[in-house]
C-alpha atoms as a PDB file:
ATOM      1  CA  MET A   1      14.731  -1.010 -25.392  1.00  0.00           C
ATOM      2  CA  LYS A   2      12.776   2.409 -25.748  1.00  0.00           C
ATOM      3  CA  ASP A   3      11.059   4.758 -28.196  1.00  0.00           C
ATOM      4  CA  GLU A   4      11.645   8.352 -27.668  1.00  0.00           C
ATOM      5  CA  ASN A   5       8.129   8.962 -29.402  1.00  0.00           C
ATOM      6  CA  CYS A   6       6.390   6.694 -27.234  1.00  0.00           C
ATOM      7  CA  GLY A   7       4.465   7.960 -24.224  1.00  0.00           C
ATOM      8  CA  TYR A   8       4.699   4.286 -22.491  1.00  0.00           C
ATOM      9  CA  CYS A   9       8.743   4.411 -22.589  1.00  0.00           C
ATOM     10  CA  MET A  10       9.057   8.070 -21.965  1.00  0.00           C
ATOM     11  CA  ARG A  11       6.330   8.898 -19.780  1.00  0.00           C
ATOM     12  CA  GLY A  12       6.257  12.723 -18.942  1.00  0.00           C
ATOM     13  CA  GLU A  13       4.571  14.990 -21.304  1.00  0.00           C
ATOM     14  CA  LEU A  14       3.764  12.159 -23.646  1.00  0.00           C
ATOM     15  CA  LEU A  15       2.131  10.002 -20.986  1.00  0.00           C
ATOM     16  CA  ASP A  16       0.269  13.060 -19.637  1.00  0.00           C
ATOM     17  CA  LYS A  17      -1.775  13.440 -23.115  1.00  0.00           C
ATOM     18  CA  PHE A  18      -3.499  10.572 -22.206  1.00  0.00           C
ATOM     19  CA  GLY A  19      -2.774   8.787 -18.829  1.00  0.00           C
ATOM     20  CA  ILE A  20      -0.979   8.757 -15.407  1.00  0.00           C
ATOM     21  CA  TYR A  21       1.546   6.691 -14.183  1.00  0.00           C
ATOM     22  CA  ILE A  22       0.346   4.484 -11.415  1.00  0.00           C
ATOM     23  CA  CYS A  23       3.253   2.074 -10.518  1.00  0.00           C
ATOM     24  CA  ASP A  24       5.565  -0.487 -12.059  1.00  0.00           C
ATOM     25  CA  LEU A  25       4.482  -4.103 -11.702  1.00  0.00           C
ATOM     26  CA  GLU A  26       7.201  -6.989 -12.618  1.00  0.00           C
ATOM     27  CA  VAL A  27       7.457  -6.602 -16.200  1.00  0.00           C
ATOM     28  CA  SER A  28       5.257  -3.578 -17.333  1.00  0.00           C
ATOM     29  CA  THR A  29       3.750  -0.170 -15.862  1.00  0.00           C
ATOM     30  CA  LEU A  30       0.243   0.182 -14.589  1.00  0.00           C
ATOM     31  CA  ILE A  31      -1.303   3.370 -16.074  1.00  0.00           C
ATOM     32  CA  LEU A  32      -4.641   5.270 -15.417  1.00  0.00           C
ATOM     33  CA  PHE A  33      -6.564   6.079 -18.200  1.00  0.00           C
ATOM     34  CA  LYS A  34      -7.453   9.888 -18.080  1.00  0.00           C
ATOM     35  CA  GLU A  35     -10.503   9.612 -19.873  1.00  0.00           C
ATOM     36  CA  GLN A  36     -12.907   7.827 -17.452  1.00  0.00           C
ATOM     37  CA  SER A  37     -16.214   7.153 -18.775  1.00  0.00           C
ATOM     38  CA  LYS A  38     -15.535   3.856 -17.642  1.00  0.00           C
ATOM     39  CA  LYS A  39     -14.777   3.881 -13.974  1.00  0.00           C
ATOM     40  CA  GLY A  40     -11.139   2.546 -13.251  1.00  0.00           C
ATOM     41  CA  ARG A  41      -9.997   1.965 -16.962  1.00  0.00           C
ATOM     42  CA  CYS A  42      -6.562   1.297 -17.021  1.00  0.00           C
ATOM     43  CA  ILE A  43      -3.777   0.129 -19.313  1.00  0.00           C
ATOM     44  CA  VAL A  44      -0.675  -2.235 -18.536  1.00  0.00           C
ATOM     45  CA  ALA A  45       2.433  -1.365 -20.704  1.00  0.00           C
ATOM     46  CA  TYR A  46       5.120  -3.714 -21.212  1.00  0.00           C
ATOM     47  CA  LYS A  47       8.532  -2.641 -19.927  1.00  0.00           C
ATOM     48  CA  ASP A  48      10.171  -2.352 -23.574  1.00  0.00           C
ATOM     49  CA  HIS A  49       9.240  -1.125 -26.718  1.00  0.00           C
ATOM     50  CA  VAL A  50       8.311  -4.093 -28.678  1.00  0.00           C
ATOM     51  CA  SER A  51       5.124  -4.133 -30.994  1.00  0.00           C
ATOM     52  CA  GLU A  52       3.882  -7.667 -30.564  1.00  0.00           C
ATOM     53  CA  ILE A  53       3.331 -10.408 -28.132  1.00  0.00           C
ATOM     54  CA  VAL A  54       5.447 -12.720 -30.225  1.00  0.00           C
ATOM     55  CA  ASP A  55       8.311 -10.228 -29.481  1.00  0.00           C
ATOM     56  CA  ILE A  56       9.064 -11.202 -26.141  1.00  0.00           C
ATOM     57  CA  SER A  57       9.890 -14.909 -24.620  1.00  0.00           C
ATOM     58  CA  ASP A  58       7.091 -17.248 -23.258  1.00  0.00           C
ATOM     59  CA  GLU A  59       8.833 -16.690 -19.864  1.00  0.00           C
ATOM     60  CA  GLU A  60       8.353 -12.705 -20.560  1.00  0.00           C
ATOM     61  CA  ARG A  61       4.650 -13.469 -22.018  1.00  0.00           C
ATOM     62  CA  ASN A  62       3.907 -15.149 -18.535  1.00  0.00           C
ATOM     63  CA  LYS A  63       4.809 -12.308 -16.412  1.00  0.00           C
ATOM     64  CA  PHE A  64       3.431  -9.619 -18.702  1.00  0.00           C
ATOM     65  CA  PHE A  65      -0.103 -11.352 -18.433  1.00  0.00           C
ATOM     66  CA  ALA A  66       0.372 -11.975 -14.866  1.00  0.00           C
ATOM     67  CA  ASP A  67       0.714  -8.321 -14.213  1.00  0.00           C
ATOM     68  CA  VAL A  68      -2.368  -7.764 -16.341  1.00  0.00           C
ATOM     69  CA  THR A  69      -4.311 -10.270 -14.108  1.00  0.00           C
ATOM     70  CA  ARG A  70      -2.805  -8.442 -10.923  1.00  0.00           C
ATOM     71  CA  ALA A  71      -4.143  -5.414 -12.396  1.00  0.00           C
ATOM     72  CA  ALA A  72      -7.534  -6.852 -13.270  1.00  0.00           C
ATOM     73  CA  ARG A  73      -8.080  -7.973  -9.870  1.00  0.00           C
ATOM     74  CA  ALA A  74      -7.292  -4.873  -8.275  1.00  0.00           C
ATOM     75  CA  ILE A  75      -9.405  -2.842 -10.388  1.00  0.00           C
ATOM     76  CA  HIS A  76     -12.281  -5.772  -9.914  1.00  0.00           C
ATOM     77  CA  LYS A  77     -11.808  -5.047  -5.927  1.00  0.00           C
ATOM     78  CA  ALA A  78     -11.533  -1.293  -6.191  1.00  0.00           C
ATOM     79  CA  PHE A  79     -14.214  -0.648  -8.472  1.00  0.00           C
ATOM     80  CA  ALA A  80     -16.514  -3.645  -8.816  1.00  0.00           C
ATOM     81  CA  PRO A  81     -17.461  -3.577 -12.460  1.00  0.00           C
ATOM     82  CA  ASP A  82     -19.884  -6.137 -13.947  1.00  0.00           C
ATOM     83  CA  LYS A  83     -17.363  -7.426 -16.767  1.00  0.00           C
ATOM     84  CA  LEU A  84     -13.484  -6.358 -17.321  1.00  0.00           C
ATOM     85  CA  ASN A  85     -12.965  -5.802 -21.417  1.00  0.00           C
ATOM     86  CA  TYR A  86      -9.365  -6.251 -22.336  1.00  0.00           C
ATOM     87  CA  GLY A  87      -8.157  -4.698 -25.683  1.00  0.00           C
ATOM     88  CA  MET A  88      -4.656  -5.177 -27.294  1.00  0.00           C
ATOM     89  CA  TYR A  89      -4.700  -2.773 -30.303  1.00  0.00           C
ATOM     90  CA  GLY A  90      -1.456  -0.510 -31.064  1.00  0.00           C
ATOM     91  CA  ASP A  91      -1.650   0.229 -34.822  1.00  0.00           C
ATOM     92  CA  THR A  92      -0.407   3.382 -34.321  1.00  0.00           C
ATOM     93  CA  GLY A  93       1.440   3.437 -30.978  1.00  0.00           C
ATOM     94  CA  CYS A  94       3.171   0.141 -31.691  1.00  0.00           C
ATOM     95  CA  HIS A  95       4.302  -0.409 -28.080  1.00  0.00           C
ATOM     96  CA  LEU A  96       2.949  -3.603 -26.314  1.00  0.00           C
ATOM     97  CA  HIS A  97      -0.039  -2.873 -24.156  1.00  0.00           C
ATOM     98  CA  VAL A  98      -3.443  -3.907 -22.701  1.00  0.00           C
ATOM     99  CA  HIS A  99      -6.717  -1.624 -21.904  1.00  0.00           C
ATOM    100  CA  LEU A 100      -8.429  -2.830 -19.073  1.00  0.00           C
ATOM    101  CA  CYS A 101     -11.927  -1.147 -19.750  1.00  0.00           C
ATOM    102  CA  PRO A 102     -14.309  -2.149 -16.753  1.00  0.00           C
ATOM    103  CA  LYS A 103     -17.999  -2.385 -17.848  1.00  0.00           C
ATOM    104  CA  TYR A 104     -21.098  -1.402 -15.876  1.00  0.00           C
ATOM    105  CA  ARG A 105     -24.283  -2.848 -16.647  1.00  0.00           C
ATOM    106  CA  ASP A 106     -26.025   0.583 -15.988  1.00  0.00           C
ATOM    107  CA  GLY A 107     -23.590   2.107 -17.841  1.00  0.00           C
ATOM    108  CA  ASP A 108     -23.032   3.068 -21.632  1.00  0.00           C
ATOM    109  CA  GLU A 109     -21.581   0.500 -24.397  1.00  0.00           C
ATOM    110  CA  TRP A 110     -22.797  -2.305 -22.103  1.00  0.00           C
ATOM    111  CA  GLY A 111     -23.067  -5.420 -24.406  1.00  0.00           C
ATOM    112  CA  GLY A 112     -20.751  -3.839 -27.032  1.00  0.00           C
ATOM    113  CA  THR A 113     -17.035  -3.091 -27.377  1.00  0.00           C
ATOM    114  CA  PHE A 114     -15.491  -0.003 -25.778  1.00  0.00           C
ATOM    115  CA  THR A 115     -14.961   2.988 -27.473  1.00  0.00           C
ATOM    116  CA  MET A 116     -11.069   3.433 -27.452  1.00  0.00           C
ATOM    117  CA  ASN A 117     -11.122   7.677 -26.486  1.00  0.00           C
ATOM    118  CA  PRO A 118     -14.844   8.605 -26.203  1.00  0.00           C
ATOM    119  CA  GLN A 119     -13.615  12.068 -24.572  1.00  0.00           C
ATOM    120  CA  LYS A 120     -16.525  12.104 -22.499  1.00  0.00           C
ATOM    121  CA  VAL A 121     -15.359  12.095 -18.507  1.00  0.00           C
ATOM    122  CA  TYR A 122     -12.512  14.034 -17.181  1.00  0.00           C
ATOM    123  CA  LEU A 123     -11.830  14.305 -13.354  1.00  0.00           C
ATOM    124  CA  THR A 124      -9.828  16.866 -11.143  1.00  0.00           C
ATOM    125  CA  ASP A 125      -6.249  15.859  -9.953  1.00  0.00           C
ATOM    126  CA  GLU A 126      -8.025  14.840  -6.320  1.00  0.00           C
ATOM    127  CA  GLN A 127     -10.143  12.864  -8.252  1.00  0.00           C
ATOM    128  CA  TYR A 128      -7.214  11.036 -10.240  1.00  0.00           C
ATOM    129  CA  ALA A 129      -5.301  10.668  -7.036  1.00  0.00           C
ATOM    130  CA  GLU A 130      -8.456   8.916  -5.060  1.00  0.00           C
ATOM    131  CA  MET A 131      -8.648   6.414  -7.903  1.00  0.00           C
ATOM    132  CA  ILE A 132      -5.141   5.762  -8.080  1.00  0.00           C
ATOM    133  CA  ASP A 133      -5.296   5.246  -4.046  1.00  0.00           C
ATOM    134  CA  LYS A 134      -7.804   2.717  -4.273  1.00  0.00           C
ATOM    135  CA  ILE A 135      -5.772   0.724  -7.289  1.00  0.00           C
ATOM    136  CA  LYS A 136      -2.590   0.551  -5.283  1.00  0.00           C
ATOM    137  CA  ALA A 137      -4.238  -0.338  -2.042  1.00  0.00           C
ATOM    138  CA  ALA A 138      -6.209  -3.211  -3.923  1.00  0.00           C
ATOM    139  CA  LEU A 139      -2.938  -4.422  -5.645  1.00  0.00           C
END
């Protein structure tokens, strides 16, 4: 099931506003978050347009969290953060997804909750491509 107003479902221009497709995982999609004040920040979005973790079967939930774990390991390997924060929100974009937000002791917001979209750091297409290559190599 897809929602034509959802960037996770439709990709294209809707996704381009905030993220870059990296690859498909077993039951989800891995997306690089364009705002990179937290180097390596990604999103794992479930394959179908469901709002809540309780909307999928236990088997699908386990596969989804296996995808989240796989992505988290890749981010740790590629960027060596001191901590990875996990955020599951979706008040306005009701598509099951997890933000994987690397935190660095010498970076901003250490010891606090990450800002959803601080609008501070955007990269060139080449820099995004390099990050995506590092993540794919680490998967």
